[in-house]
N, C-alpha and C. Protein backbone atom coordinates (compact mmCIF):
# COMPACT_ATOMS: atom_id res chain seq x y z
N MET A 1 -1.03 -78.33 3.05
CA MET A 1 -2.15 -78.60 2.17
C MET A 1 -1.82 -79.84 1.34
N ARG A 2 -2.55 -80.92 1.54
CA ARG A 2 -2.31 -82.17 0.83
C ARG A 2 -3.47 -82.53 -0.09
N LYS A 3 -4.14 -81.51 -0.62
CA LYS A 3 -5.30 -81.74 -1.46
C LYS A 3 -4.92 -82.53 -2.70
N ARG A 4 -5.86 -83.37 -3.12
CA ARG A 4 -5.66 -84.18 -4.32
C ARG A 4 -5.60 -83.30 -5.57
N ARG A 5 -6.46 -82.29 -5.63
CA ARG A 5 -6.54 -81.41 -6.79
C ARG A 5 -6.46 -79.97 -6.30
N ALA A 6 -5.61 -79.18 -6.90
CA ALA A 6 -5.46 -77.78 -6.48
C ALA A 6 -6.40 -76.90 -7.29
N ASN A 7 -7.11 -76.02 -6.60
CA ASN A 7 -7.94 -75.06 -7.33
C ASN A 7 -7.24 -73.69 -7.31
N ARG A 8 -7.83 -72.75 -8.02
CA ARG A 8 -7.21 -71.43 -8.18
C ARG A 8 -6.99 -70.75 -6.84
N GLN A 9 -7.97 -70.84 -5.95
CA GLN A 9 -7.85 -70.18 -4.65
C GLN A 9 -6.76 -70.82 -3.80
N ASP A 10 -6.65 -72.16 -3.84
CA ASP A 10 -5.59 -72.84 -3.10
C ASP A 10 -4.21 -72.33 -3.52
N LEU A 11 -4.05 -72.15 -4.81
CA LEU A 11 -2.74 -71.78 -5.35
C LEU A 11 -2.48 -70.28 -5.28
N GLY A 12 -3.52 -69.48 -5.18
CA GLY A 12 -3.35 -68.02 -5.15
C GLY A 12 -3.11 -67.42 -6.52
N LEU A 13 -3.47 -68.17 -7.57
CA LEU A 13 -3.24 -67.69 -8.93
C LEU A 13 -4.36 -66.75 -9.38
N LEU A 14 -4.03 -65.85 -10.28
CA LEU A 14 -5.02 -65.01 -10.92
C LEU A 14 -5.82 -65.86 -11.91
N PRO A 15 -7.05 -65.46 -12.24
CA PRO A 15 -7.85 -66.27 -13.17
C PRO A 15 -7.14 -66.56 -14.49
N ALA A 16 -6.48 -65.59 -15.07
CA ALA A 16 -5.78 -65.80 -16.35
C ALA A 16 -4.64 -66.81 -16.20
N GLU A 17 -3.89 -66.72 -15.10
CA GLU A 17 -2.79 -67.66 -14.85
C GLU A 17 -3.34 -69.08 -14.72
N PHE A 18 -4.42 -69.21 -13.95
CA PHE A 18 -5.01 -70.53 -13.72
C PHE A 18 -5.54 -71.12 -15.02
N ARG A 19 -6.16 -70.29 -15.86
CA ARG A 19 -6.71 -70.79 -17.14
C ARG A 19 -5.60 -71.37 -18.02
N ILE A 20 -4.45 -70.72 -18.03
CA ILE A 20 -3.32 -71.23 -18.83
C ILE A 20 -2.97 -72.65 -18.38
N LEU A 21 -2.80 -72.83 -17.07
CA LEU A 21 -2.40 -74.13 -16.54
C LEU A 21 -3.53 -75.15 -16.66
N GLN A 22 -4.77 -74.70 -16.56
CA GLN A 22 -5.92 -75.60 -16.66
C GLN A 22 -6.04 -76.19 -18.06
N ARG A 23 -5.65 -75.43 -19.07
CA ARG A 23 -5.69 -75.93 -20.45
C ARG A 23 -4.66 -77.03 -20.68
N LEU A 24 -3.63 -77.08 -19.86
CA LEU A 24 -2.57 -78.08 -20.02
C LEU A 24 -3.00 -79.36 -19.30
N ASN A 25 -3.94 -80.09 -19.90
CA ASN A 25 -4.59 -81.19 -19.20
C ASN A 25 -4.00 -82.57 -19.47
N THR A 26 -2.86 -82.63 -20.15
CA THR A 26 -2.13 -83.90 -20.30
C THR A 26 -0.65 -83.62 -20.12
N PRO A 27 0.12 -84.60 -19.72
CA PRO A 27 1.57 -84.39 -19.61
C PRO A 27 2.21 -83.92 -20.92
N LEU A 28 1.73 -84.43 -22.04
CA LEU A 28 2.30 -84.03 -23.32
C LEU A 28 2.00 -82.56 -23.64
N LYS A 29 0.80 -82.10 -23.32
CA LYS A 29 0.49 -80.67 -23.51
C LYS A 29 1.35 -79.81 -22.61
N ILE A 30 1.59 -80.28 -21.39
CA ILE A 30 2.47 -79.54 -20.48
C ILE A 30 3.87 -79.47 -21.05
N GLN A 31 4.38 -80.61 -21.56
CA GLN A 31 5.72 -80.64 -22.14
C GLN A 31 5.83 -79.68 -23.32
N GLU A 32 4.83 -79.67 -24.19
CA GLU A 32 4.85 -78.77 -25.34
C GLU A 32 4.86 -77.31 -24.89
N PHE A 33 4.08 -76.99 -23.86
CA PHE A 33 4.06 -75.62 -23.33
C PHE A 33 5.42 -75.24 -22.75
N VAL A 34 5.99 -76.13 -21.97
CA VAL A 34 7.30 -75.86 -21.36
C VAL A 34 8.38 -75.73 -22.44
N ASP A 35 8.31 -76.56 -23.48
CA ASP A 35 9.27 -76.46 -24.58
C ASP A 35 9.19 -75.09 -25.27
N ALA A 36 7.99 -74.53 -25.35
CA ALA A 36 7.80 -73.26 -26.06
C ALA A 36 8.27 -72.05 -25.27
N ILE A 37 8.47 -72.22 -23.97
CA ILE A 37 8.96 -71.11 -23.15
C ILE A 37 10.45 -70.92 -23.43
N PRO A 38 10.89 -69.70 -23.72
CA PRO A 38 12.32 -69.48 -23.95
C PRO A 38 13.16 -69.85 -22.71
N GLN A 39 14.38 -70.24 -22.97
CA GLN A 39 15.30 -70.62 -21.91
C GLN A 39 15.66 -69.41 -21.04
N ASN A 40 15.72 -69.62 -19.74
CA ASN A 40 16.16 -68.59 -18.81
C ASN A 40 17.68 -68.74 -18.66
N PHE A 41 18.41 -67.82 -19.25
CA PHE A 41 19.87 -67.88 -19.20
C PHE A 41 20.44 -67.15 -17.98
N GLU A 42 19.57 -66.64 -17.11
CA GLU A 42 19.98 -66.02 -15.84
C GLU A 42 21.04 -64.93 -16.06
N ARG A 43 20.81 -64.06 -16.99
CA ARG A 43 21.78 -63.01 -17.31
C ARG A 43 22.04 -62.05 -16.16
N ASP A 44 21.05 -61.90 -15.27
CA ASP A 44 21.22 -60.98 -14.13
C ASP A 44 21.49 -61.73 -12.82
N GLY A 45 21.96 -62.96 -12.91
CA GLY A 45 22.24 -63.77 -11.72
C GLY A 45 21.31 -64.96 -11.62
N GLN A 46 21.66 -65.87 -10.73
CA GLN A 46 20.90 -67.11 -10.59
C GLN A 46 19.47 -66.85 -10.14
N THR A 47 18.56 -67.64 -10.68
CA THR A 47 17.15 -67.51 -10.34
C THR A 47 16.55 -68.88 -10.04
N CYS A 48 15.45 -68.84 -9.33
CA CYS A 48 14.57 -69.99 -9.14
C CYS A 48 13.16 -69.39 -9.12
N LEU A 49 12.67 -69.08 -10.33
CA LEU A 49 11.42 -68.35 -10.48
C LEU A 49 10.21 -69.21 -10.12
N SER A 50 9.22 -68.57 -9.52
CA SER A 50 7.96 -69.25 -9.20
C SER A 50 7.17 -69.49 -10.48
N VAL A 51 6.11 -70.26 -10.36
CA VAL A 51 5.23 -70.51 -11.49
C VAL A 51 4.69 -69.17 -12.04
N ARG A 52 4.23 -68.30 -11.17
CA ARG A 52 3.72 -66.99 -11.60
C ARG A 52 4.79 -66.22 -12.37
N GLU A 53 6.01 -66.20 -11.86
CA GLU A 53 7.08 -65.44 -12.52
C GLU A 53 7.47 -66.06 -13.86
N VAL A 54 7.43 -67.38 -13.97
CA VAL A 54 7.70 -68.02 -15.27
C VAL A 54 6.65 -67.58 -16.28
N LEU A 55 5.38 -67.60 -15.87
CA LEU A 55 4.31 -67.16 -16.77
C LEU A 55 4.45 -65.68 -17.12
N ARG A 56 4.83 -64.87 -16.16
CA ARG A 56 4.95 -63.43 -16.40
C ARG A 56 6.17 -63.08 -17.25
N GLN A 57 7.33 -63.67 -16.90
CA GLN A 57 8.58 -63.34 -17.59
C GLN A 57 8.77 -64.13 -18.88
N LYS A 58 8.00 -65.20 -19.04
CA LYS A 58 8.08 -66.05 -20.23
C LYS A 58 9.51 -66.56 -20.46
N ARG A 59 10.08 -67.11 -19.39
CA ARG A 59 11.40 -67.73 -19.47
C ARG A 59 11.51 -68.73 -18.32
N ALA A 60 12.31 -69.78 -18.54
CA ALA A 60 12.48 -70.80 -17.49
C ALA A 60 13.70 -71.65 -17.78
N HIS A 61 14.31 -72.14 -16.71
CA HIS A 61 15.29 -73.21 -16.84
C HIS A 61 14.70 -74.43 -16.15
N CYS A 62 15.48 -75.46 -15.90
CA CYS A 62 14.91 -76.77 -15.54
C CYS A 62 14.03 -76.76 -14.30
N ILE A 63 14.49 -76.25 -13.18
CA ILE A 63 13.68 -76.32 -11.96
C ILE A 63 12.44 -75.44 -12.09
N GLU A 64 12.57 -74.32 -12.80
CA GLU A 64 11.44 -73.43 -12.99
C GLU A 64 10.38 -74.09 -13.88
N GLY A 65 10.82 -74.71 -14.95
CA GLY A 65 9.89 -75.45 -15.81
C GLY A 65 9.28 -76.64 -15.11
N ALA A 66 10.08 -77.30 -14.27
CA ALA A 66 9.58 -78.47 -13.53
C ALA A 66 8.51 -78.05 -12.53
N MET A 67 8.69 -76.92 -11.86
CA MET A 67 7.67 -76.46 -10.91
C MET A 67 6.38 -76.07 -11.64
N LEU A 68 6.51 -75.42 -12.81
CA LEU A 68 5.32 -75.09 -13.58
C LEU A 68 4.60 -76.37 -13.99
N ALA A 69 5.34 -77.36 -14.49
CA ALA A 69 4.74 -78.63 -14.90
C ALA A 69 4.07 -79.33 -13.72
N ALA A 70 4.72 -79.33 -12.57
CA ALA A 70 4.16 -79.97 -11.38
C ALA A 70 2.87 -79.28 -10.96
N CYS A 71 2.84 -77.96 -11.06
CA CYS A 71 1.64 -77.21 -10.70
C CYS A 71 0.49 -77.57 -11.64
N ALA A 72 0.76 -77.63 -12.94
CA ALA A 72 -0.28 -78.00 -13.91
C ALA A 72 -0.78 -79.42 -13.64
N LEU A 73 0.12 -80.33 -13.31
CA LEU A 73 -0.29 -81.70 -12.97
C LEU A 73 -1.19 -81.71 -11.74
N TRP A 74 -0.85 -80.91 -10.74
CA TRP A 74 -1.63 -80.85 -9.50
C TRP A 74 -3.04 -80.33 -9.76
N ILE A 75 -3.15 -79.35 -10.63
CA ILE A 75 -4.47 -78.80 -10.99
C ILE A 75 -5.35 -79.91 -11.57
N HIS A 76 -4.74 -80.88 -12.22
CA HIS A 76 -5.48 -81.98 -12.84
C HIS A 76 -5.50 -83.25 -11.99
N GLY A 77 -5.22 -83.08 -10.70
CA GLY A 77 -5.40 -84.18 -9.76
C GLY A 77 -4.21 -85.10 -9.56
N GLU A 78 -3.05 -84.72 -10.06
CA GLU A 78 -1.85 -85.54 -9.86
C GLU A 78 -0.95 -84.87 -8.83
N ARG A 79 -0.16 -85.68 -8.14
CA ARG A 79 0.74 -85.10 -7.14
C ARG A 79 1.82 -84.26 -7.83
N PRO A 80 2.16 -83.09 -7.28
CA PRO A 80 3.21 -82.24 -7.86
C PRO A 80 4.59 -82.72 -7.38
N LEU A 81 5.22 -83.57 -8.17
CA LEU A 81 6.46 -84.23 -7.77
C LEU A 81 7.64 -83.80 -8.63
N LEU A 82 8.80 -83.65 -7.97
CA LEU A 82 10.04 -83.34 -8.67
C LEU A 82 11.07 -84.44 -8.43
N LEU A 83 11.95 -84.63 -9.41
CA LEU A 83 13.09 -85.54 -9.31
C LEU A 83 14.34 -84.73 -9.57
N ASP A 84 15.35 -84.90 -8.72
CA ASP A 84 16.62 -84.19 -8.85
C ASP A 84 17.67 -85.13 -9.41
N LEU A 85 18.38 -84.69 -10.44
CA LEU A 85 19.47 -85.46 -11.04
C LEU A 85 20.78 -84.70 -10.79
N LYS A 86 21.76 -85.40 -10.22
CA LYS A 86 23.06 -84.79 -9.90
C LYS A 86 24.11 -85.26 -10.90
N ALA A 87 24.93 -84.31 -11.32
CA ALA A 87 26.00 -84.62 -12.26
C ALA A 87 27.34 -84.18 -11.69
N GLU A 88 28.38 -84.73 -12.27
CA GLU A 88 29.75 -84.37 -11.90
C GLU A 88 30.39 -83.68 -13.10
N ARG A 89 31.00 -82.52 -12.88
CA ARG A 89 31.60 -81.73 -13.96
C ARG A 89 30.57 -81.39 -15.04
N ASP A 90 29.33 -81.08 -14.59
CA ASP A 90 28.25 -80.77 -15.51
C ASP A 90 27.11 -80.15 -14.70
N TYR A 91 26.07 -79.74 -15.38
CA TYR A 91 24.91 -79.15 -14.70
C TYR A 91 24.01 -80.22 -14.12
N ASP A 92 23.46 -79.95 -12.95
CA ASP A 92 22.43 -80.80 -12.38
C ASP A 92 21.12 -80.53 -13.15
N HIS A 93 20.10 -81.35 -12.88
CA HIS A 93 18.85 -81.22 -13.63
C HIS A 93 17.68 -81.59 -12.73
N VAL A 94 16.54 -80.95 -12.94
CA VAL A 94 15.32 -81.23 -12.18
C VAL A 94 14.18 -81.43 -13.18
N VAL A 95 13.37 -82.46 -12.95
CA VAL A 95 12.23 -82.76 -13.82
C VAL A 95 10.98 -82.94 -12.98
N ALA A 96 9.82 -82.76 -13.61
CA ALA A 96 8.53 -83.06 -12.98
C ALA A 96 8.17 -84.50 -13.31
N LEU A 97 7.62 -85.19 -12.32
CA LEU A 97 7.27 -86.60 -12.49
C LEU A 97 5.76 -86.79 -12.64
N PHE A 98 5.38 -87.82 -13.38
CA PHE A 98 3.99 -88.24 -13.45
C PHE A 98 3.96 -89.75 -13.63
N ARG A 99 2.82 -90.36 -13.33
CA ARG A 99 2.67 -91.82 -13.45
C ARG A 99 1.46 -92.14 -14.31
N ARG A 100 1.61 -93.22 -15.09
CA ARG A 100 0.53 -93.79 -15.86
C ARG A 100 0.62 -95.30 -15.73
N ASP A 101 -0.46 -95.91 -15.31
CA ASP A 101 -0.51 -97.37 -15.15
C ASP A 101 0.67 -97.91 -14.34
N GLY A 102 1.04 -97.17 -13.28
CA GLY A 102 2.11 -97.60 -12.40
C GLY A 102 3.51 -97.35 -12.92
N HIS A 103 3.65 -96.67 -14.05
CA HIS A 103 4.96 -96.41 -14.64
C HIS A 103 5.26 -94.92 -14.61
N TRP A 104 6.53 -94.60 -14.39
CA TRP A 104 6.98 -93.21 -14.27
C TRP A 104 7.32 -92.61 -15.63
N GLY A 105 6.98 -91.32 -15.77
CA GLY A 105 7.38 -90.51 -16.91
C GLY A 105 7.86 -89.17 -16.37
N ALA A 106 8.40 -88.31 -17.25
CA ALA A 106 8.93 -87.03 -16.79
C ALA A 106 8.73 -85.93 -17.82
N ILE A 107 8.51 -84.73 -17.29
CA ILE A 107 8.42 -83.51 -18.08
C ILE A 107 9.66 -82.70 -17.73
N SER A 108 10.33 -82.17 -18.75
CA SER A 108 11.62 -81.55 -18.51
C SER A 108 11.81 -80.30 -19.36
N LYS A 109 12.37 -79.26 -18.76
CA LYS A 109 12.74 -78.03 -19.47
C LYS A 109 14.26 -77.99 -19.58
N THR A 110 14.75 -78.03 -20.80
CA THR A 110 16.19 -77.97 -21.00
C THR A 110 16.48 -77.58 -22.44
N ASN A 111 17.68 -77.11 -22.69
CA ASN A 111 18.06 -76.79 -24.07
C ASN A 111 18.26 -78.05 -24.90
N PRO A 112 19.11 -79.00 -24.47
CA PRO A 112 19.31 -80.19 -25.30
C PRO A 112 18.04 -81.04 -25.34
N PRO A 113 17.49 -81.33 -26.52
CA PRO A 113 16.25 -82.10 -26.59
C PRO A 113 16.40 -83.52 -26.03
N LEU A 114 17.59 -84.05 -25.99
CA LEU A 114 17.78 -85.42 -25.47
C LEU A 114 17.47 -85.52 -23.98
N LEU A 115 17.54 -84.40 -23.26
CA LEU A 115 17.29 -84.44 -21.82
C LEU A 115 15.85 -84.08 -21.47
N ARG A 116 14.99 -84.01 -22.44
CA ARG A 116 13.61 -83.61 -22.20
C ARG A 116 12.72 -84.78 -21.82
N TRP A 117 11.53 -84.78 -22.32
CA TRP A 117 10.41 -85.69 -22.05
C TRP A 117 10.83 -87.15 -21.93
N ARG A 118 10.20 -87.84 -21.00
CA ARG A 118 10.33 -89.30 -20.91
C ARG A 118 8.92 -89.89 -20.85
N ASP A 119 8.66 -90.81 -21.76
CA ASP A 119 7.37 -91.50 -21.76
C ASP A 119 7.19 -92.27 -20.46
N PRO A 120 5.96 -92.46 -20.02
CA PRO A 120 5.71 -93.19 -18.76
C PRO A 120 5.81 -94.70 -18.96
N VAL A 121 7.04 -95.18 -19.09
CA VAL A 121 7.29 -96.61 -19.31
C VAL A 121 8.27 -97.19 -18.29
N TYR A 122 8.70 -96.38 -17.33
CA TYR A 122 9.74 -96.80 -16.39
C TYR A 122 9.12 -97.32 -15.10
N ARG A 123 9.51 -98.53 -14.69
CA ARG A 123 8.93 -99.18 -13.51
C ARG A 123 9.40 -98.57 -12.20
N SER A 124 10.54 -97.92 -12.21
CA SER A 124 11.07 -97.34 -10.98
C SER A 124 11.72 -96.00 -11.30
N LEU A 125 11.94 -95.22 -10.24
CA LEU A 125 12.63 -93.94 -10.44
C LEU A 125 14.07 -94.17 -10.88
N ARG A 126 14.68 -95.25 -10.42
CA ARG A 126 16.04 -95.57 -10.86
C ARG A 126 16.08 -95.81 -12.37
N GLU A 127 15.13 -96.60 -12.87
CA GLU A 127 15.06 -96.83 -14.32
C GLU A 127 14.91 -95.52 -15.07
N LEU A 128 14.02 -94.68 -14.57
CA LEU A 128 13.80 -93.38 -15.20
C LEU A 128 15.09 -92.56 -15.20
N ALA A 129 15.73 -92.44 -14.06
CA ALA A 129 16.98 -91.68 -13.97
C ALA A 129 18.05 -92.25 -14.91
N MET A 130 18.13 -93.57 -14.97
CA MET A 130 19.12 -94.21 -15.86
C MET A 130 18.86 -93.89 -17.33
N SER A 131 17.62 -93.55 -17.67
CA SER A 131 17.31 -93.26 -19.07
C SER A 131 18.06 -92.02 -19.57
N TRP A 132 18.55 -91.19 -18.67
CA TRP A 132 19.30 -90.00 -19.06
C TRP A 132 20.82 -90.25 -19.06
N LEU A 133 21.26 -91.39 -18.57
CA LEU A 133 22.70 -91.63 -18.39
C LEU A 133 23.47 -91.48 -19.69
N HIS A 134 23.02 -92.10 -20.74
CA HIS A 134 23.77 -92.08 -22.00
C HIS A 134 23.87 -90.67 -22.57
N GLU A 135 22.76 -89.92 -22.52
CA GLU A 135 22.75 -88.58 -23.10
C GLU A 135 23.39 -87.53 -22.20
N TYR A 136 23.52 -87.83 -20.94
CA TYR A 136 24.02 -86.84 -19.98
C TYR A 136 25.54 -86.79 -20.06
N THR A 137 26.03 -85.96 -20.98
CA THR A 137 27.48 -85.83 -21.19
C THR A 137 27.85 -84.35 -21.19
N ASN A 138 29.10 -84.08 -20.82
CA ASN A 138 29.56 -82.70 -20.86
C ASN A 138 30.23 -82.42 -22.20
N ARG A 139 30.82 -81.25 -22.33
CA ARG A 139 31.43 -80.86 -23.61
C ARG A 139 32.66 -81.70 -23.95
N ARG A 140 33.20 -82.39 -22.98
CA ARG A 140 34.35 -83.28 -23.23
C ARG A 140 33.88 -84.70 -23.58
N HIS A 141 32.56 -84.86 -23.74
CA HIS A 141 31.94 -86.15 -24.06
C HIS A 141 32.11 -87.17 -22.94
N GLN A 142 32.18 -86.69 -21.71
CA GLN A 142 32.26 -87.57 -20.54
C GLN A 142 30.86 -87.80 -19.99
N LYS A 143 30.57 -89.04 -19.60
CA LYS A 143 29.31 -89.34 -18.93
C LYS A 143 29.36 -88.70 -17.55
N THR A 144 28.37 -87.89 -17.21
CA THR A 144 28.47 -87.08 -16.00
C THR A 144 27.39 -87.34 -14.96
N LEU A 145 26.28 -87.98 -15.34
CA LEU A 145 25.19 -88.20 -14.39
C LEU A 145 25.63 -89.18 -13.32
N ARG A 146 25.42 -88.82 -12.04
CA ARG A 146 25.92 -89.65 -10.95
C ARG A 146 24.86 -90.16 -9.98
N SER A 147 23.80 -89.35 -9.72
CA SER A 147 22.82 -89.78 -8.72
C SER A 147 21.49 -89.09 -8.96
N TYR A 148 20.48 -89.58 -8.24
CA TYR A 148 19.15 -88.98 -8.31
C TYR A 148 18.53 -88.97 -6.92
N ALA A 149 17.53 -88.12 -6.75
CA ALA A 149 16.80 -88.06 -5.48
C ALA A 149 15.36 -87.66 -5.76
N GLY A 150 14.48 -88.23 -5.00
CA GLY A 150 13.08 -87.88 -5.12
C GLY A 150 12.21 -89.10 -4.94
N PRO A 151 10.95 -88.90 -5.06
CA PRO A 151 10.31 -87.66 -5.45
C PRO A 151 10.17 -86.67 -4.29
N LEU A 152 10.21 -85.39 -4.63
CA LEU A 152 9.91 -84.32 -3.69
C LEU A 152 8.50 -83.86 -4.00
N ASP A 153 7.60 -84.01 -3.03
CA ASP A 153 6.21 -83.60 -3.19
C ASP A 153 6.09 -82.12 -2.83
N LEU A 154 5.75 -81.30 -3.81
CA LEU A 154 5.69 -79.85 -3.59
C LEU A 154 4.51 -79.43 -2.72
N ARG A 155 3.61 -80.35 -2.40
CA ARG A 155 2.51 -80.02 -1.48
C ARG A 155 3.03 -79.77 -0.07
N ARG A 156 4.27 -80.13 0.19
CA ARG A 156 4.82 -79.86 1.53
C ARG A 156 5.18 -78.38 1.72
N PHE A 157 5.16 -77.62 0.63
CA PHE A 157 5.42 -76.18 0.68
C PHE A 157 4.11 -75.43 0.46
N ASP A 158 3.98 -74.30 1.13
CA ASP A 158 2.85 -73.44 0.87
C ASP A 158 2.97 -72.93 -0.57
N PRO A 159 1.88 -72.88 -1.32
CA PRO A 159 1.96 -72.38 -2.71
C PRO A 159 2.55 -70.97 -2.82
N SER A 160 2.47 -70.18 -1.74
CA SER A 160 3.07 -68.85 -1.80
C SER A 160 4.59 -68.92 -1.92
N VAL A 161 5.18 -70.07 -1.63
CA VAL A 161 6.63 -70.25 -1.73
C VAL A 161 7.05 -70.55 -3.17
N TRP A 162 6.28 -71.37 -3.89
CA TRP A 162 6.73 -71.82 -5.21
C TRP A 162 5.77 -71.51 -6.37
N VAL A 163 4.54 -71.16 -6.06
CA VAL A 163 3.58 -70.88 -7.14
C VAL A 163 3.45 -69.39 -7.39
N THR A 164 3.26 -68.60 -6.33
CA THR A 164 2.95 -67.18 -6.52
C THR A 164 4.02 -66.21 -6.01
N SER A 165 5.09 -66.70 -5.49
CA SER A 165 6.13 -65.83 -4.95
C SER A 165 6.70 -64.89 -6.02
N THR A 166 7.02 -63.68 -5.61
CA THR A 166 7.71 -62.76 -6.51
C THR A 166 9.22 -62.80 -6.24
N LYS A 167 9.59 -63.60 -5.26
CA LYS A 167 11.01 -63.79 -4.93
C LYS A 167 11.45 -65.16 -5.43
N ASN A 168 12.73 -65.42 -5.43
CA ASN A 168 13.24 -66.72 -5.84
C ASN A 168 12.78 -67.81 -4.88
N CYS A 169 12.55 -68.98 -5.42
CA CYS A 169 12.03 -70.13 -4.66
C CYS A 169 13.17 -71.03 -4.18
N TRP A 170 14.14 -70.46 -3.53
CA TRP A 170 15.31 -71.24 -3.13
C TRP A 170 14.95 -72.37 -2.17
N ASP A 171 13.87 -72.23 -1.39
CA ASP A 171 13.49 -73.29 -0.45
C ASP A 171 13.27 -74.62 -1.18
N VAL A 172 12.71 -74.57 -2.37
CA VAL A 172 12.50 -75.80 -3.15
C VAL A 172 13.85 -76.37 -3.57
N GLY A 173 14.73 -75.52 -4.07
CA GLY A 173 16.06 -75.98 -4.47
C GLY A 173 16.84 -76.57 -3.30
N PHE A 174 16.77 -75.92 -2.14
CA PHE A 174 17.47 -76.44 -0.96
C PHE A 174 16.88 -77.77 -0.52
N ALA A 175 15.56 -77.91 -0.60
CA ALA A 175 14.92 -79.17 -0.22
C ALA A 175 15.37 -80.31 -1.15
N LEU A 176 15.52 -80.03 -2.43
CA LEU A 176 16.02 -81.04 -3.36
C LEU A 176 17.45 -81.42 -3.01
N GLU A 177 18.27 -80.42 -2.69
CA GLU A 177 19.66 -80.67 -2.31
C GLU A 177 19.75 -81.55 -1.06
N ASP A 178 18.82 -81.34 -0.13
CA ASP A 178 18.85 -82.07 1.14
C ASP A 178 18.35 -83.50 1.05
N LEU A 179 17.70 -83.87 -0.05
CA LEU A 179 17.22 -85.24 -0.18
C LEU A 179 18.40 -86.20 -0.29
N LYS A 180 18.19 -87.41 0.16
CA LYS A 180 19.22 -88.45 0.02
C LYS A 180 19.32 -88.83 -1.46
N HIS A 181 20.48 -88.60 -2.03
CA HIS A 181 20.72 -88.91 -3.42
C HIS A 181 21.24 -90.34 -3.55
N ILE A 182 20.68 -91.07 -4.47
CA ILE A 182 21.01 -92.49 -4.67
C ILE A 182 21.97 -92.60 -5.85
N PRO A 183 23.13 -93.20 -5.65
CA PRO A 183 24.10 -93.32 -6.74
C PRO A 183 23.55 -94.16 -7.89
N LEU A 184 23.88 -93.76 -9.10
CA LEU A 184 23.49 -94.52 -10.29
C LEU A 184 24.60 -95.44 -10.75
N ILE A 185 25.85 -94.99 -10.54
CA ILE A 185 26.99 -95.80 -10.97
C ILE A 185 28.03 -95.82 -9.87
């Protein structure tokens, strides 16, 4: 399904679920919504929750928040795109991408506020990825960001895999892992 705009039936969402995402009609509103969702600390093991499960459980970590953001963007006619950031001796990160006037921006779910939102001012994905380089440090204060990959267009997956699944969405995570990662340094 490569539709420009996703409707409720395409996504398989319940009316209440769709209304929540439909209200998030700008990237900034999406970012504020994602920020308000409590962090998913995966106390019962690793997760990759679908959009439905994030809304139901009211918790998310980066890839889960990025998929929710991408879904909301798709509802409003933007491509549901993810960018994968790889780190060394640190956590990897996934963000949702959007464009304004030919420039890239990002919506991000994370605990440290420095790794969140990026205004749409970056001419390339490399520039955008580099914007996290300085802040991407581990507890030893080492710069850890090493590469990026994307964009991954979530329209290549059936919405039952990442929007409405009651199981973990590992297929999305594996697809991000399989992308060719471009070194930053």
